[in-house]
Protein backbone atom coordinates (compact mmCIF):
# COMPACT_ATOMS: atom_id res chain seq x y z
CA UNK A 1 -51.91 -127.64 28.28
CA UNK A 2 -50.00 -130.95 26.78
CA UNK A 3 -50.38 -132.28 22.99
CA UNK A 4 -53.28 -134.57 22.76
CA UNK A 5 -51.91 -137.70 21.46
CA UNK A 6 -54.52 -140.13 20.89
CA UNK A 7 -58.43 -139.44 19.75
CA UNK A 8 -60.91 -141.95 20.01
CA UNK A 9 -62.84 -142.17 16.50
CA UNK A 10 -66.42 -143.14 17.56
CA UNK A 11 -69.81 -141.62 19.10
CA UNK A 12 -70.72 -145.08 20.69
CA UNK A 13 -70.62 -144.30 24.45
CA UNK A 14 -69.94 -148.12 25.40
CA UNK A 15 -66.64 -147.89 23.44
CA UNK A 16 -66.02 -144.38 25.01
CA UNK A 17 -66.57 -145.78 28.64
CA UNK A 18 -64.03 -148.71 28.27
CA UNK A 19 -61.20 -146.93 26.25
CA UNK A 20 -61.49 -143.86 28.65
CA UNK A 21 -61.30 -146.36 31.43
CA UNK A 22 -57.47 -146.99 30.04
CA UNK A 23 -56.26 -143.31 30.83
CA UNK A 24 -55.14 -143.75 27.36
CA UNK A 25 -57.52 -141.24 25.64
CA UNK A 26 -57.24 -137.47 25.19
CA UNK A 27 -60.03 -136.72 22.79
CA UNK A 28 -62.90 -137.88 21.32
CA UNK A 29 -63.46 -137.67 17.51
CA UNK A 30 -66.88 -138.02 15.62
CA UNK A 31 -68.55 -137.16 12.42
CA UNK A 32 -72.12 -136.63 10.86
CA UNK A 33 -71.74 -140.28 9.53
CA UNK A 34 -71.28 -141.93 13.24
CA UNK A 35 -73.97 -139.41 14.76
CA UNK A 36 -76.43 -140.43 11.88
CA UNK A 37 -75.87 -143.92 12.85
CA UNK A 38 -76.33 -143.43 16.66
CA UNK A 39 -79.97 -141.86 16.02
CA UNK A 40 -79.26 -139.20 18.32
CA UNK A 41 -78.83 -135.68 18.18
CA UNK A 42 -75.74 -133.50 18.39
CA UNK A 43 -76.80 -132.79 21.99
CA UNK A 44 -77.94 -136.20 22.79
CA UNK A 45 -74.62 -137.34 21.81
CA UNK A 46 -72.35 -134.82 23.53
CA UNK A 47 -74.41 -135.65 26.45
CA UNK A 48 -73.44 -139.70 26.24
CA UNK A 49 -69.58 -138.74 25.85
CA UNK A 50 -69.75 -136.42 28.78
CA UNK A 51 -70.76 -138.95 31.32
CA UNK A 52 -67.45 -140.61 30.47
CA UNK A 53 -65.17 -137.84 29.22
CA UNK A 54 -64.43 -134.42 29.98
CA UNK A 55 -61.84 -133.55 27.53
CA UNK A 56 -61.89 -132.04 24.04
CA UNK A 57 -64.56 -133.70 21.51
CA UNK A 58 -64.78 -133.05 17.73
CA UNK A 59 -68.22 -132.27 15.99
CA UNK A 60 -68.49 -131.18 12.66
CA UNK A 61 -69.72 -127.98 11.59
CA UNK A 62 -71.75 -127.79 8.24
CA UNK A 63 -72.99 -125.40 5.50
CA UNK A 64 -73.47 -124.73 2.18
CA UNK A 65 -71.72 -121.15 2.29
CA UNK A 66 -69.12 -119.91 4.37
CA UNK A 67 -71.46 -117.76 6.43
CA UNK A 68 -73.53 -120.95 6.99
CA UNK A 69 -70.66 -122.81 8.18
CA UNK A 70 -69.56 -120.10 10.68
CA UNK A 71 -73.29 -120.14 11.99
CA UNK A 72 -73.44 -123.91 12.53
CA UNK A 73 -69.85 -123.65 13.97
CA UNK A 74 -70.94 -121.21 16.52
CA UNK A 75 -73.79 -123.16 17.57
CA UNK A 76 -71.65 -126.09 18.08
CA UNK A 77 -69.36 -124.47 20.09
CA UNK A 78 -71.89 -122.71 22.07
CA UNK A 79 -72.77 -126.46 23.45
CA UNK A 80 -69.81 -126.88 25.12
CA UNK A 81 -66.68 -124.44 24.92
CA UNK A 82 -64.26 -127.51 25.13
CA UNK A 83 -65.33 -129.03 21.82
CA UNK A 84 -63.00 -128.81 18.54
CA UNK A 85 -65.46 -127.95 15.53
CA UNK A 86 -64.61 -129.37 12.33
CA UNK A 87 -65.02 -127.53 9.04
CA UNK A 88 -64.12 -129.08 5.88
CA UNK A 89 -61.12 -127.78 4.05
CA UNK A 90 -62.67 -126.75 0.99
CA UNK A 91 -63.41 -123.16 -0.71
CA UNK A 92 -66.73 -122.98 1.62
CA UNK A 93 -64.97 -124.01 5.01
CA UNK A 94 -61.54 -122.80 4.54
CA UNK A 95 -62.60 -118.85 4.61
CA UNK A 96 -64.44 -120.02 8.36
CA UNK A 97 -61.54 -120.61 9.91
CA UNK A 98 -59.90 -117.28 10.66
CA UNK A 99 -62.90 -115.77 11.78
CA UNK A 100 -63.95 -118.47 13.97
CA UNK A 101 -60.55 -118.82 15.53
CA UNK A 102 -60.82 -114.99 16.24
CA UNK A 103 -63.85 -115.72 18.34
CA UNK A 104 -62.24 -118.34 20.41
CA UNK A 105 -63.49 -121.26 18.52
CA UNK A 106 -61.22 -124.30 18.21
CA UNK A 107 -61.42 -125.41 14.61
CA UNK A 108 -60.30 -128.67 12.92
CA UNK A 109 -59.76 -128.50 9.38
CA UNK A 110 -60.86 -132.14 8.16
CA UNK A 111 -61.11 -134.16 4.92
CA UNK A 112 -57.60 -132.87 4.23
CA UNK A 113 -56.14 -134.71 1.48
CA UNK A 114 -53.46 -132.67 -0.07
CA UNK A 115 -50.71 -130.68 1.29
CA UNK A 116 -51.62 -127.27 0.06
CA UNK A 117 -54.95 -127.75 1.88
CA UNK A 118 -53.12 -128.55 5.14
CA UNK A 119 -50.77 -125.16 4.56
CA UNK A 120 -53.75 -123.02 4.14
CA UNK A 121 -55.50 -124.41 7.01
CA UNK A 122 -51.93 -123.71 9.11
CA UNK A 123 -51.77 -120.35 8.03
CA UNK A 124 -55.57 -119.61 8.72
CA UNK A 125 -54.67 -120.70 12.47
CA UNK A 126 -56.68 -123.71 13.01
CA UNK A 127 -55.52 -125.40 15.86
CA UNK A 128 -55.83 -128.76 14.38
CA UNK A 129 -55.95 -130.35 10.68
CA UNK A 130 -57.28 -133.79 9.89
CA UNK A 131 -55.63 -135.37 6.80
CA UNK A 132 -57.52 -138.61 5.89
CA UNK A 133 -55.24 -141.57 5.48
CA UNK A 134 -57.61 -144.66 4.52
CA UNK A 135 -59.58 -143.05 2.15
CA UNK A 136 -56.92 -141.61 0.13
CA UNK A 137 -55.46 -144.95 -0.09
CA UNK A 138 -58.64 -146.41 -1.57
CA UNK A 139 -58.48 -144.29 -4.53
CA UNK A 140 -54.32 -144.80 -4.88
CA UNK A 141 -53.09 -141.87 -2.87
CA UNK A 142 -50.44 -142.24 -0.54
CA UNK A 143 -51.50 -140.46 2.80
CA UNK A 144 -48.86 -141.13 4.64
CA UNK A 145 -46.54 -139.45 2.31
CA UNK A 146 -48.83 -136.41 2.42
CA UNK A 147 -48.63 -136.08 5.98
CA UNK A 148 -44.92 -136.05 5.74
CA UNK A 149 -44.98 -133.20 3.33
CA UNK A 150 -47.34 -131.33 5.23
CA UNK A 151 -45.23 -131.60 8.28
CA UNK A 152 -42.05 -130.39 6.47
CA UNK A 153 -44.58 -127.34 4.93
CA UNK A 154 -45.08 -126.28 8.67
CA UNK A 155 -41.64 -126.79 10.07
CA UNK A 156 -40.80 -124.63 6.50
CA UNK A 157 -42.63 -121.50 7.39
CA UNK A 158 -42.79 -121.94 11.25
CA UNK A 159 -46.26 -123.00 11.58
CA UNK A 160 -46.13 -124.46 15.19
CA UNK A 161 -49.58 -123.58 16.69
CA UNK A 162 -51.40 -126.25 14.19
CA UNK A 163 -51.73 -129.85 15.23
CA UNK A 164 -52.00 -132.73 12.44
CA UNK A 165 -54.28 -135.61 13.56
CA UNK A 166 -53.91 -138.39 11.45
CA UNK A 167 -57.60 -139.67 10.81
CA UNK A 168 -59.47 -142.36 8.69
CA UNK A 169 -57.06 -144.73 10.42
CA UNK A 170 -57.85 -148.62 9.23
CA UNK A 171 -55.19 -150.56 11.14
CA UNK A 172 -52.55 -150.41 13.77
CA UNK A 173 -49.62 -150.02 11.16
CA UNK A 174 -51.06 -146.94 10.04
CA UNK A 175 -51.06 -145.35 13.49
CA UNK A 176 -47.29 -146.32 13.43
CA UNK A 177 -46.78 -144.81 9.96
CA UNK A 178 -48.64 -141.61 10.54
CA UNK A 179 -46.61 -140.65 13.56
CA UNK A 180 -43.34 -141.57 11.92
CA UNK A 181 -44.30 -139.43 9.18
CA UNK A 182 -44.81 -136.36 11.56
CA UNK A 183 -48.56 -136.39 12.83
CA UNK A 184 -48.96 -134.79 16.43
CA UNK A 185 -51.89 -136.90 16.85
CA UNK A 186 -53.78 -139.82 15.75
CA UNK A 187 -57.46 -140.49 15.87
CA UNK A 188 -58.27 -144.23 15.79
CA UNK A 189 -61.72 -146.57 15.92
CA UNK A 190 -62.12 -148.45 18.60
CA UNK A 191 -61.28 -151.72 17.06
CA UNK A 192 -57.93 -150.11 16.29
CA UNK A 193 -56.99 -149.01 19.82
CA UNK A 194 -58.17 -152.34 20.89
CA UNK A 195 -55.40 -153.56 18.56
CA UNK A 196 -53.03 -151.81 19.76
CA UNK A 197 -52.76 -153.30 22.95
CA UNK A 198 -53.05 -156.97 21.74
CA UNK A 199 -50.61 -159.35 19.98
CA UNK A 200 -51.17 -162.98 19.54
CA UNK A 201 -47.64 -164.22 21.25
CA UNK A 202 -48.87 -161.34 24.27
CA UNK A 203 -52.11 -163.19 24.74
CA UNK A 204 -50.21 -167.24 24.40
CA UNK A 205 -47.61 -165.72 27.00
CA UNK A 206 -50.19 -164.62 29.18
CA UNK A 207 -52.13 -167.81 29.27
CA UNK A 208 -48.71 -169.99 29.86
CA UNK A 209 -48.00 -167.05 33.00
CA UNK A 210 -51.88 -167.73 34.32
CA UNK A 211 -51.19 -171.24 34.26
CA UNK A 212 -47.94 -171.14 35.81
CA UNK A 213 -48.80 -168.44 38.39
CA UNK A 214 -52.04 -170.87 39.42
CA UNK A 215 -49.60 -173.52 40.27
CA UNK A 216 -47.49 -171.28 42.59
CA UNK A 217 -50.59 -170.10 44.25
CA UNK A 218 -51.49 -173.54 44.89
CA UNK A 219 -48.05 -173.77 46.91
CA UNK A 220 -49.44 -171.21 49.08
């Protein structure tokens, strides 16, 4: 299986339908906030996404204890074996990774802000980790630099089964920055995904081409 590159960070079916139609989306990323805003259950959100997309989708497992996180992760995994189950990379969620991976659950260690969290999640065998960029910058931290450190740590210790997914992306420049810093994948909101395809000079040129092409057609 090839490495997924672009995850669409949304739970909105209309956005998913439009983005997936481009053929450029490799996965869908959701979180409790997006699902809560939708007013739907996990199952309903999953069914809505599956109308348009049959690839990997990330859903969050929650719990106040490691045992509770594992139990909820199993429930999420049981909905669809293609799901990537997010677990928070803290002292509650981190110990859940190894046993879940051993059971065949694909985990995504999330809410990662420092390279040590990424290192531990990689050593635990999580197939994905999600370092947050935009939220880090809001409190004065450099999430881009942190991703570079994470990648160097992985390379130094031969951790090659864990994909770094740059998340909490706020603009197109951050997409480029996280990739150049060493992220394997990036999770982008719909507005950023659209922004990756746009430039004012491109649109201006397109308008000129359209006008000129209409003149050519008139000759036929």
